[in-house]
């Protein structure tokens, strides 16, 4: 990450922790302090790079405006919502590791086991869902309390609510695709649409547009930021898929092979299947890959095999071509005069970061 996002991260983190701690008294009055909910949310939300919150500030500063407490509040709220999404996502994917540490629901499950609960996993999932819900409502509380013009606040709340609904719908589609061995209508367009609404828009487009709304930027700038966000977001997801295949747990902070065992229908999977249909991917290799994909008991050797044949038969190269194309399109958008400022330079750096990030 470049210096710009590192500096704004510190501001967002400070406000985020301050706000969460202000809510601590409510949890204590309900007798939930023993579950260390506030501490868990602090540690989880505070351990990320806070790129989404940083994008809010970067967009706000495109015209030279100085970041205000209202903007920092909005950035912190975006990060709280992101934390909620990750908490719920980890439950759906049954992931035990996030950012190199036990996921929230896994923490609750471990604690329940020590306390002698009859079903620790169910206990952990239930508690994790509630923790994610709390983070969502905290995010909306922080947004509703922002000190900014009412019409801008209303527009932001409406937009985030609408986009959050699309994220949930795309998540449902992702679960549907991953839960079936041979889902109907699975193609590159389907996968890219899931990427667009499940990741790209909420990760990049929304924070950028929100920051621009707070700054009072013209609609043409908002349109540019919307397009830029989708390019960056899909690029981010493709790199995430690549790390899911080739990343090491020590770097990515995720379990090796988890996407394969969960049967995630990534672009890599679809391209491999299409190559198999055309005869460019040996049938025996495809059958073995297809058998491992979605098998929760897939062995380490099978994961290594999947990674190897993806490389050998050009799947990785084909995805990389698409990633490079998205990076070029993003840089073309960033050549607009709107981005000739320090925060615009930070956004240009973000393109290259998305291409080569290690976690």
Protein backbone atom coordinates (compact mmCIF):
# COMPACT_ATOMS: atom_id res chain seq x y z
CA UNK A 1 0.00 0.00 0.00
CA UNK A 2 1.27 3.51 -0.70
CA UNK A 3 1.89 6.23 1.87
CA UNK A 4 -1.43 7.98 1.20
CA UNK A 5 -3.59 5.02 2.17
CA UNK A 6 -1.35 4.26 5.13
CA UNK A 7 -1.86 7.76 6.52
CA UNK A 8 -5.64 7.83 6.06
CA UNK A 9 -5.86 4.35 7.55
CA UNK A 10 -4.57 5.70 10.86
CA UNK A 11 -7.29 8.36 10.94
CA UNK A 12 -10.04 5.87 10.11
CA UNK A 13 -8.77 3.36 12.67
CA UNK A 14 -8.73 5.95 15.45
CA UNK A 15 -12.31 7.03 14.75
CA UNK A 16 -13.52 3.45 14.29
CA UNK A 17 -12.18 2.28 17.65
CA UNK A 18 -13.43 5.41 19.39
CA UNK A 19 -16.95 4.89 18.07
CA UNK A 20 -17.09 1.17 18.87
CA UNK A 21 -15.97 1.77 22.43
CA UNK A 22 -18.67 4.39 22.91
CA UNK A 23 -21.22 1.63 22.34
CA UNK A 24 -19.61 -0.73 24.87
CA UNK A 25 -21.92 0.22 27.72
CA UNK A 26 -24.96 -1.23 25.90
CA UNK A 27 -23.34 -4.65 25.59
CA UNK A 28 -22.38 -4.58 29.25
CA UNK A 29 -25.95 -3.80 30.32
CA UNK A 30 -27.11 -6.90 28.44
CA UNK A 31 -24.56 -9.08 30.18
CA UNK A 32 -22.62 -9.71 26.96
CA UNK A 33 -19.32 -8.24 28.09
CA UNK A 34 -18.14 -11.75 28.94
CA UNK A 35 -18.11 -12.55 25.22
CA UNK A 36 -15.72 -9.63 24.60
CA UNK A 37 -17.82 -8.52 21.63
CA UNK A 38 -16.41 -5.00 21.51
CA UNK A 39 -12.86 -6.31 21.75
CA UNK A 40 -13.51 -8.82 18.97
CA UNK A 41 -15.01 -6.18 16.68
CA UNK A 42 -12.13 -3.81 17.41
CA UNK A 43 -9.52 -6.44 16.60
CA UNK A 44 -11.32 -7.66 13.50
CA UNK A 45 -12.19 -4.29 12.01
CA UNK A 46 -8.85 -2.81 12.99
CA UNK A 47 -6.74 -5.55 11.40
CA UNK A 48 -7.62 -4.71 7.79
CA UNK A 49 -5.96 -2.34 5.33
CA UNK A 50 -9.08 -0.12 5.34
CA UNK A 51 -8.86 0.52 1.61
CA UNK A 52 -12.62 1.10 1.36
CA UNK A 53 -12.57 3.83 3.98
CA UNK A 54 -9.48 5.26 2.32
CA UNK A 55 -11.35 5.47 -0.98
CA UNK A 56 -14.04 7.62 0.67
CA UNK A 57 -11.38 10.10 1.74
CA UNK A 58 -9.47 9.91 -1.57
CA UNK A 59 -12.61 10.77 -3.57
CA UNK A 60 -13.50 13.59 -1.17
CA UNK A 61 -10.04 15.12 -1.61
CA UNK A 62 -10.01 15.03 -5.43
CA UNK A 63 -10.80 18.75 -5.60
CA UNK A 64 -8.39 19.70 -2.85
CA UNK A 65 -10.90 19.68 0.01
CA UNK A 66 -9.47 18.95 3.46
CA UNK A 67 -10.86 15.85 5.16
CA UNK A 68 -13.41 16.73 7.86
CA UNK A 69 -14.73 14.67 10.83
CA UNK A 70 -17.86 13.95 8.78
CA UNK A 71 -15.78 12.29 6.05
CA UNK A 72 -13.82 10.27 8.59
CA UNK A 73 -17.11 9.13 10.15
CA UNK A 74 -18.32 7.99 6.75
CA UNK A 75 -15.06 6.16 6.07
CA UNK A 76 -15.29 4.40 9.45
CA UNK A 77 -18.91 3.42 8.76
CA UNK A 78 -17.92 1.92 5.40
CA UNK A 79 -15.26 -0.14 7.19
CA UNK A 80 -17.77 -1.33 9.80
CA UNK A 81 -20.11 -2.49 7.05
CA UNK A 82 -17.20 -4.24 5.36
CA UNK A 83 -16.32 -6.03 8.60
CA UNK A 84 -19.92 -7.21 8.91
CA UNK A 85 -19.81 -8.58 5.37
CA UNK A 86 -16.60 -10.48 6.07
CA UNK A 87 -17.97 -11.92 9.33
CA UNK A 88 -21.05 -13.22 7.53
CA UNK A 89 -19.01 -14.35 4.51
CA UNK A 90 -16.73 -16.44 6.72
CA UNK A 91 -19.76 -18.21 8.20
CA UNK A 92 -21.21 -18.92 4.75
CA UNK A 93 -17.86 -20.22 3.47
CA UNK A 94 -17.12 -22.07 6.74
CA UNK A 95 -13.70 -20.41 6.86
CA UNK A 96 -11.83 -20.72 10.14
CA UNK A 97 -9.01 -18.28 9.27
CA UNK A 98 -9.16 -14.61 8.24
CA UNK A 99 -6.12 -12.31 8.08
CA UNK A 100 -4.05 -15.00 9.75
CA UNK A 101 -6.32 -15.26 12.81
CA UNK A 102 -9.41 -17.28 13.78
CA UNK A 103 -12.59 -15.87 12.25
CA UNK A 104 -15.20 -14.35 14.57
CA UNK A 105 -17.50 -17.36 14.49
CA UNK A 106 -14.53 -19.70 14.98
CA UNK A 107 -13.54 -17.71 18.09
CA UNK A 108 -17.04 -18.09 19.51
CA UNK A 109 -17.09 -21.80 18.65
CA UNK A 110 -13.77 -22.39 20.43
CA UNK A 111 -15.03 -20.57 23.49
CA UNK A 112 -18.30 -22.51 23.46
CA UNK A 113 -16.39 -25.79 23.32
CA UNK A 114 -14.40 -24.81 26.40
CA UNK A 115 -17.64 -23.91 28.18
CA UNK A 116 -19.14 -27.29 27.30
CA UNK A 117 -21.80 -26.22 24.77
CA UNK A 118 -23.69 -29.12 23.17
CA UNK A 119 -23.11 -27.79 19.62
CA UNK A 120 -20.13 -25.39 19.58
CA UNK A 121 -20.17 -24.87 15.80
CA UNK A 122 -23.84 -23.91 15.74
CA UNK A 123 -23.26 -21.65 18.74
CA UNK A 124 -20.34 -19.96 16.99
CA UNK A 125 -22.28 -19.44 13.76
CA UNK A 126 -25.24 -17.93 15.61
CA UNK A 127 -23.05 -15.59 17.60
CA UNK A 128 -21.10 -14.62 14.49
CA UNK A 129 -24.29 -13.73 12.61
CA UNK A 130 -25.36 -11.52 15.50
CA UNK A 131 -21.92 -9.88 15.69
CA UNK A 132 -22.07 -9.12 11.96
CA UNK A 133 -25.58 -7.69 12.34
CA UNK A 134 -24.38 -5.44 15.16
CA UNK A 135 -21.55 -4.14 12.95
CA UNK A 136 -24.07 -3.32 10.19
CA UNK A 137 -26.32 -1.37 12.55
CA UNK A 138 -23.33 0.43 14.04
CA UNK A 139 -22.35 1.46 10.52
CA UNK A 140 -25.81 2.87 9.84
CA UNK A 141 -25.84 4.63 13.19
CA UNK A 142 -22.55 6.33 12.39
CA UNK A 143 -23.80 7.33 8.93
CA UNK A 144 -27.03 8.73 10.34
CA UNK A 145 -25.10 10.84 12.85
CA UNK A 146 -22.75 12.42 10.27
CA UNK A 147 -22.61 16.20 10.39
CA UNK A 148 -23.18 16.96 6.71
CA UNK A 149 -25.92 18.53 4.55
CA UNK A 150 -29.12 16.46 5.00
CA UNK A 151 -29.66 15.91 1.27
CA UNK A 152 -26.18 14.40 0.92
CA UNK A 153 -26.69 12.19 3.96
CA UNK A 154 -30.02 10.90 2.62
CA UNK A 155 -28.49 10.18 -0.78
CA UNK A 156 -25.61 8.27 0.81
CA UNK A 157 -27.87 6.21 3.09
CA UNK A 158 -30.16 5.37 0.18
CA UNK A 159 -27.28 4.40 -2.09
CA UNK A 160 -25.53 2.21 0.49
CA UNK A 161 -28.82 0.44 1.32
CA UNK A 162 -29.51 -0.23 -2.35
CA UNK A 163 -25.99 -1.52 -3.02
CA UNK A 164 -26.05 -3.67 0.13
CA UNK A 165 -29.17 -5.39 -1.21
CA UNK A 166 -27.35 -6.14 -4.47
CA UNK A 167 -24.40 -7.55 -2.52
CA UNK A 168 -26.75 -9.92 -0.69
CA UNK A 169 -28.42 -11.01 -3.94
CA UNK A 170 -25.02 -11.64 -5.56
CA UNK A 171 -23.96 -13.57 -2.46
CA UNK A 172 -27.05 -15.76 -2.86
CA UNK A 173 -26.15 -16.37 -6.51
CA UNK A 174 -22.58 -17.22 -5.48
CA UNK A 175 -23.87 -19.73 -2.91
CA UNK A 176 -26.17 -21.24 -5.52
CA UNK A 177 -23.33 -21.64 -8.04
CA UNK A 178 -20.94 -23.02 -5.45
CA UNK A 179 -23.47 -25.43 -3.96
CA UNK A 180 -24.15 -27.26 -7.23
CA UNK A 181 -21.62 -29.46 -8.98
CA UNK A 182 -22.92 -28.56 -12.45
CA UNK A 183 -25.08 -25.41 -12.19
CA UNK A 184 -27.06 -24.28 -15.21
CA UNK A 185 -26.22 -21.08 -17.08
CA UNK A 186 -22.68 -20.96 -15.70
CA UNK A 187 -20.47 -18.94 -18.02
CA UNK A 188 -17.96 -16.13 -17.94
CA UNK A 189 -20.69 -13.46 -18.04
CA UNK A 190 -22.46 -15.03 -15.03
CA UNK A 191 -19.26 -15.09 -13.00
CA UNK A 192 -18.35 -11.51 -13.91
CA UNK A 193 -21.82 -10.30 -12.89
CA UNK A 194 -21.40 -11.94 -9.49
CA UNK A 195 -17.98 -10.28 -9.18
CA UNK A 196 -19.45 -6.93 -10.15
CA UNK A 197 -22.23 -6.88 -7.56
CA UNK A 198 -20.75 -9.02 -4.79
CA UNK A 199 -17.33 -7.36 -4.72
CA UNK A 200 -16.56 -4.63 -7.23
CA UNK A 201 -19.26 -2.09 -6.57
CA UNK A 202 -19.39 -2.31 -2.79
CA UNK A 203 -15.61 -2.49 -2.46
CA UNK A 204 -14.64 0.33 -4.82
CA UNK A 205 -17.52 2.10 -6.61
CA UNK A 206 -19.61 2.81 -3.52
CA UNK A 207 -16.83 4.26 -1.32
CA UNK A 208 -15.61 6.44 -4.19
CA UNK A 209 -19.08 7.75 -5.01
CA UNK A 210 -19.89 8.34 -1.34
CA UNK A 211 -16.75 10.44 -0.91
CA UNK A 212 -17.59 12.40 -4.05
CA UNK A 213 -21.15 13.05 -2.84
CA UNK A 214 -19.81 14.40 0.46
CA UNK A 215 -17.48 16.71 -1.49
CA UNK A 216 -20.30 17.93 -3.72
CA UNK A 217 -18.57 16.80 -6.93
CA UNK A 218 -20.48 17.09 -10.20
CA UNK A 219 -22.38 14.11 -11.63
CA UNK A 220 -19.82 13.60 -14.41
CA UNK A 221 -17.14 12.96 -11.78
CA UNK A 222 -19.43 10.51 -9.97
CA UNK A 223 -19.93 8.63 -13.23
CA UNK A 224 -16.18 8.38 -13.77
CA UNK A 225 -15.68 7.12 -10.22
CA UNK A 226 -18.44 4.55 -10.68
CA UNK A 227 -16.73 3.15 -13.80
CA UNK A 228 -13.31 3.25 -12.18
CA UNK A 229 -14.62 1.42 -9.13
CA UNK A 230 -16.02 -1.44 -11.19
CA UNK A 231 -12.73 -1.90 -13.07
CA UNK A 232 -10.71 -1.85 -9.85
CA UNK A 233 -13.19 -4.09 -8.06
CA UNK A 234 -13.28 -6.86 -10.65
CA UNK A 235 -9.49 -6.69 -10.89
CA UNK A 236 -9.34 -7.00 -7.09
CA UNK A 237 -11.59 -10.08 -7.14
CA UNK A 238 -9.64 -11.79 -9.91
CA UNK A 239 -6.44 -11.29 -7.94
CA UNK A 240 -8.24 -12.63 -4.87
CA UNK A 241 -9.14 -15.77 -6.84
CA UNK A 242 -5.54 -16.10 -7.98
CA UNK A 243 -4.32 -15.86 -4.40
CA UNK A 244 -6.93 -18.43 -3.42
CA UNK A 245 -5.27 -20.82 -5.85
CA UNK A 246 -1.62 -19.93 -5.49
CA UNK A 247 -1.27 -17.89 -2.31
CA UNK A 248 0.32 -19.30 0.82
CA UNK A 249 -1.53 -19.16 4.12
CA UNK A 250 1.31 -17.22 5.76
CA UNK A 251 0.86 -14.45 3.17
CA UNK A 252 -2.87 -14.43 2.44
CA UNK A 253 -4.09 -15.17 5.97
CA UNK A 254 -6.57 -17.71 4.53
CA UNK A 255 -6.65 -21.50 4.49
CA UNK A 256 -4.85 -22.90 1.42
CA UNK A 257 -7.28 -24.44 -1.09
CA UNK A 258 -10.41 -23.19 0.68
CA UNK A 259 -11.97 -21.81 -2.53
CA UNK A 260 -11.43 -25.16 -4.27
CA UNK A 261 -12.90 -27.21 -1.42
CA UNK A 262 -15.89 -24.87 -1.22
CA UNK A 263 -16.52 -25.28 -4.93
CA UNK A 264 -16.42 -21.55 -5.73
CA UNK A 265 -17.24 -21.09 -9.39
CA UNK A 266 -14.46 -18.66 -10.18
CA UNK A 267 -13.41 -17.41 -13.59
CA UNK A 268 -10.47 -19.83 -13.38
CA UNK A 269 -12.90 -22.74 -13.04
CA UNK A 270 -15.11 -21.59 -15.93
CA UNK A 271 -12.16 -21.05 -18.27
CA UNK A 272 -10.76 -24.50 -17.40
CA UNK A 273 -14.16 -26.07 -18.11
CA UNK A 274 -14.46 -24.23 -21.43
CA UNK A 275 -10.97 -25.36 -22.45
CA UNK A 276 -11.94 -28.93 -21.56
CA UNK A 277 -15.05 -28.66 -23.75
CA UNK A 278 -12.94 -27.47 -26.68
CA UNK A 279 -10.39 -30.26 -26.17
CA UNK A 280 -7.56 -27.92 -25.15
CA UNK A 281 -7.62 -29.19 -21.56
CA UNK A 282 -6.94 -32.99 -21.34
CA UNK A 283 -10.09 -34.86 -20.34
CA UNK A 284 -8.38 -36.81 -17.56
CA UNK A 285 -6.97 -33.61 -16.06
CA UNK A 286 -10.39 -31.96 -16.19
CA UNK A 287 -12.11 -34.95 -14.58
CA UNK A 288 -9.66 -34.95 -11.69
CA UNK A 289 -9.91 -31.16 -11.29
CA UNK A 290 -13.71 -31.30 -11.45
CA UNK A 291 -13.74 -34.06 -8.84
CA UNK A 292 -11.64 -32.04 -6.39
CA UNK A 293 -13.59 -28.82 -6.99
CA UNK A 294 -16.27 -28.65 -4.31
CA UNK A 295 -14.96 -31.64 -2.35
CA UNK A 296 -14.55 -30.51 1.28
CA UNK A 297 -12.19 -33.48 1.80
CA UNK A 298 -9.91 -32.68 -1.14
CA UNK A 299 -6.37 -33.59 -0.12
CA UNK A 300 -3.32 -31.35 -0.22
CA UNK A 301 -2.06 -33.36 -3.22
CA UNK A 302 -5.30 -32.71 -5.09
CA UNK A 303 -5.03 -28.98 -4.36
CA UNK A 304 -1.46 -28.98 -5.68
CA UNK A 305 -2.66 -30.85 -8.79
CA UNK A 306 -5.39 -28.28 -9.47
CA UNK A 307 -2.91 -25.45 -9.15
CA UNK A 308 -0.44 -27.19 -11.48
CA UNK A 309 -2.85 -27.99 -14.31
CA UNK A 310 -4.37 -24.50 -14.15
CA UNK A 311 -0.89 -23.17 -14.82
CA UNK A 312 0.12 -25.75 -17.42
CA UNK A 313 -2.98 -25.37 -19.57
CA UNK A 314 -2.96 -21.58 -19.69
CA UNK A 315 -5.87 -20.80 -17.37
CA UNK A 316 -3.78 -18.53 -15.17
CA UNK A 317 -2.38 -16.77 -18.23
CA UNK A 318 -5.86 -16.19 -19.67
CA UNK A 319 -7.11 -14.68 -16.41
CA UNK A 320 -3.99 -12.52 -16.25
CA UNK A 321 -4.78 -11.15 -19.72
CA UNK A 322 -8.18 -10.05 -18.45
CA UNK A 323 -6.62 -8.51 -15.35
CA UNK A 324 -4.15 -6.53 -17.47
CA UNK A 325 -7.02 -5.30 -19.65
CA UNK A 326 -8.94 -4.08 -16.60
CA UNK A 327 -5.82 -2.33 -15.29
CA UNK A 328 -5.37 -0.52 -18.63
CA UNK A 329 -9.02 0.54 -18.66
CA UNK A 330 -8.73 1.83 -15.08
CA UNK A 331 -5.60 3.81 -15.95
CA UNK A 332 -7.36 5.31 -18.97
CA UNK A 333 -10.15 6.58 -16.70
CA UNK A 334 -7.53 7.91 -14.28
CA UNK A 335 -5.96 9.99 -17.07
CA UNK A 336 -8.91 12.39 -16.71
CA UNK A 337 -8.03 15.85 -15.29
CA UNK A 338 -10.28 15.04 -12.31
CA UNK A 339 -7.52 12.81 -10.94
CA UNK A 340 -4.57 15.23 -11.23
CA UNK A 341 -4.01 15.58 -7.50
CA UNK A 342 -2.32 13.62 -4.66
CA UNK A 343 -5.35 11.43 -3.98
CA UNK A 344 -5.67 10.77 -7.72
CA UNK A 345 -2.06 9.61 -7.75
CA UNK A 346 -2.87 7.28 -4.86
CA UNK A 347 -5.69 5.79 -6.94
CA UNK A 348 -3.28 5.20 -9.83
CA UNK A 349 -0.94 3.37 -7.46
CA UNK A 350 -3.89 1.26 -6.36
CA UNK A 351 -4.22 -0.21 -9.86
CA UNK A 352 -0.73 -1.70 -9.74
CA UNK A 353 -1.22 -2.77 -6.13
CA UNK A 354 -4.35 -4.73 -7.11
CA UNK A 355 -2.40 -6.54 -9.82
CA UNK A 356 0.40 -7.75 -7.54
CA UNK A 357 -0.85 -7.71 -3.95
CA UNK A 358 0.11 -10.73 -1.83
CA UNK A 359 -2.87 -10.74 0.55
